Amino acid sequence: MISENSAGDACRLEWFKSSYSDSSNSNECVEVAVAPGAVHVRDSKNLRGPRLAHCSAAWVAFVAYAASRS
């Protein structure tokens, strides 16, 4: 697990990869960090690159949608 302070954020983000990530292909992973009121997503290959922040309800809807598509 990777932890870092996000610029301008008071909370410490703890990043993790899904247990479903393919460890044999590290080029296709995203990392997620949960914070109060938001779920942050970033590319595991570009830790300092852009991040997306979603409200918790949007993340729950996305996960349900993704699970129904697999």
C-alpha atoms as a PDB file:
ATOM      1  CA  MET A   1       0.000   0.000   0.000  1.00  0.00           C
ATOM      2  CA  ILE A   2       1.301   3.458  -0.908  1.00  0.00           C
ATOM      3  CA  SER A   3       0.537   6.465   1.276  1.00  0.00           C
ATOM      4  CA  GLU A   4       1.182  10.077   0.420  1.00  0.00           C
ATOM      5  CA  ASN A   5      -0.081  13.538   1.117  1.00  0.00           C
ATOM      6  CA  SER A   6      -2.049  14.994  -1.741  1.00  0.00           C
ATOM      7  CA  ALA A   7      -1.212  18.627  -2.498  1.00  0.00           C
ATOM      8  CA  GLY A   8      -3.651  20.855  -0.703  1.00  0.00           C
ATOM      9  CA  ASP A   9      -5.381  17.995   1.095  1.00  0.00           C
ATOM     10  CA  ALA A  10      -5.293  17.706   4.857  1.00  0.00           C
ATOM     11  CA  CYS A  11      -6.003  13.968   4.798  1.00  0.00           C
ATOM     12  CA  ARG A  12      -3.435  11.319   4.021  1.00  0.00           C
ATOM     13  CA  LEU A  13      -4.395   9.152   1.043  1.00  0.00           C
ATOM     14  CA  GLU A  14      -3.722   5.420   1.236  1.00  0.00           C
ATOM     15  CA  TRP A  15      -3.569   4.030  -2.295  1.00  0.00           C
ATOM     16  CA  PHE A  16      -4.272   0.397  -3.144  1.00  0.00           C
ATOM     17  CA  LYS A  17      -4.759  -1.803  -6.184  1.00  0.00           C
ATOM     18  CA  SER A  18      -7.677  -4.137  -6.653  1.00  0.00           C
ATOM     19  CA  SER A  19      -7.171  -7.739  -5.625  1.00  0.00           C
ATOM     20  CA  TYR A  20      -8.362  -8.498  -9.166  1.00  0.00           C
ATOM     21  CA  SER A  21      -5.391  -6.666 -10.731  1.00  0.00           C
ATOM     22  CA  ASP A  22      -3.288  -8.875 -12.953  1.00  0.00           C
ATOM     23  CA  SER A  23       0.092  -8.898 -11.196  1.00  0.00           C
ATOM     24  CA  SER A  24       1.735 -10.337 -14.342  1.00  0.00           C
ATOM     25  CA  ASN A  25       0.802  -7.184 -16.308  1.00  0.00           C
ATOM     26  CA  SER A  26       1.542  -4.080 -14.250  1.00  0.00           C
ATOM     27  CA  ASN A  27       0.737  -1.831 -17.232  1.00  0.00           C
ATOM     28  CA  GLU A  28      -3.017  -2.167 -16.747  1.00  0.00           C
ATOM     29  CA  CYS A  29      -3.644  -1.122 -13.151  1.00  0.00           C
ATOM     30  CA  VAL A  30      -5.358   1.728 -11.447  1.00  0.00           C
ATOM     31  CA  GLU A  31      -5.004   2.613  -7.804  1.00  0.00           C
ATOM     32  CA  VAL A  32      -7.780   3.819  -5.531  1.00  0.00           C
ATOM     33  CA  ALA A  33      -7.722   5.871  -2.329  1.00  0.00           C
ATOM     34  CA  VAL A  34     -10.763   6.468  -0.155  1.00  0.00           C
ATOM     35  CA  ALA A  35     -11.136   9.800   1.633  1.00  0.00           C
ATOM     36  CA  PRO A  36     -14.069  11.399   3.434  1.00  0.00           C
ATOM     37  CA  GLY A  37     -16.627  12.238   0.761  1.00  0.00           C
ATOM     38  CA  ALA A  38     -14.551  11.096  -2.231  1.00  0.00           C
ATOM     39  CA  VAL A  39     -12.879   8.156  -3.919  1.00  0.00           C
ATOM     40  CA  HIS A  40      -9.665   9.039  -5.771  1.00  0.00           C
ATOM     41  CA  VAL A  41      -8.397   7.083  -8.780  1.00  0.00           C
ATOM     42  CA  ARG A  42      -5.000   7.266 -10.488  1.00  0.00           C
ATOM     43  CA  ASP A  43      -2.896   5.370 -13.010  1.00  0.00           C
ATOM     44  CA  SER A  44      -0.431   3.115 -11.197  1.00  0.00           C
ATOM     45  CA  LYS A  45       2.220   3.822 -13.842  1.00  0.00           C
ATOM     46  CA  ASN A  46       2.014   7.600 -13.365  1.00  0.00           C
ATOM     47  CA  LEU A  47       1.792   8.262  -9.625  1.00  0.00           C
ATOM     48  CA  ARG A  48       2.259  12.008  -9.967  1.00  0.00           C
ATOM     49  CA  GLY A  49      -0.055  12.287 -12.967  1.00  0.00           C
ATOM     50  CA  PRO A  50      -3.712  13.287 -13.104  1.00  0.00           C
ATOM     51  CA  ARG A  51      -6.200  11.872 -10.627  1.00  0.00           C
ATOM     52  CA  LEU A  52      -9.951  11.580 -10.701  1.00  0.00           C
ATOM     53  CA  ALA A  53     -12.051  12.210  -7.623  1.00  0.00           C
ATOM     54  CA  HIS A  54     -15.581  10.822  -7.454  1.00  0.00           C
ATOM     55  CA  CYS A  55     -18.245  11.279  -4.811  1.00  0.00           C
ATOM     56  CA  SER A  56     -18.932   8.052  -2.940  1.00  0.00           C
ATOM     57  CA  ALA A  57     -22.339   7.515  -4.600  1.00  0.00           C
ATOM     58  CA  ALA A  58     -20.830   7.780  -8.097  1.00  0.00           C
ATOM     59  CA  TRP A  59     -18.113   5.267  -7.187  1.00  0.00           C
ATOM     60  CA  VAL A  60     -20.676   2.789  -5.810  1.00  0.00           C
ATOM     61  CA  ALA A  61     -22.694   3.105  -9.037  1.00  0.00           C
ATOM     62  CA  PHE A  62     -19.571   2.585 -11.161  1.00  0.00           C
ATOM     63  CA  VAL A  63     -18.504  -0.525  -9.233  1.00  0.00           C
ATOM     64  CA  ALA A  64     -21.997  -2.018  -9.531  1.00  0.00           C
ATOM     65  CA  TYR A  65     -22.004  -1.306 -13.277  1.00  0.00           C
ATOM     66  CA  ALA A  66     -18.508  -2.764 -13.781  1.00  0.00           C
ATOM     67  CA  ALA A  67     -19.387  -5.890 -11.780  1.00  0.00           C
ATOM     68  CA  SER A  68     -22.471  -6.490 -13.923  1.00  0.00           C
ATOM     69  CA  ARG A  69     -20.372  -6.300 -17.111  1.00  0.00           C
ATOM     70  CA  SER A  70     -17.792  -8.945 -16.179  1.00  0.00           C
END
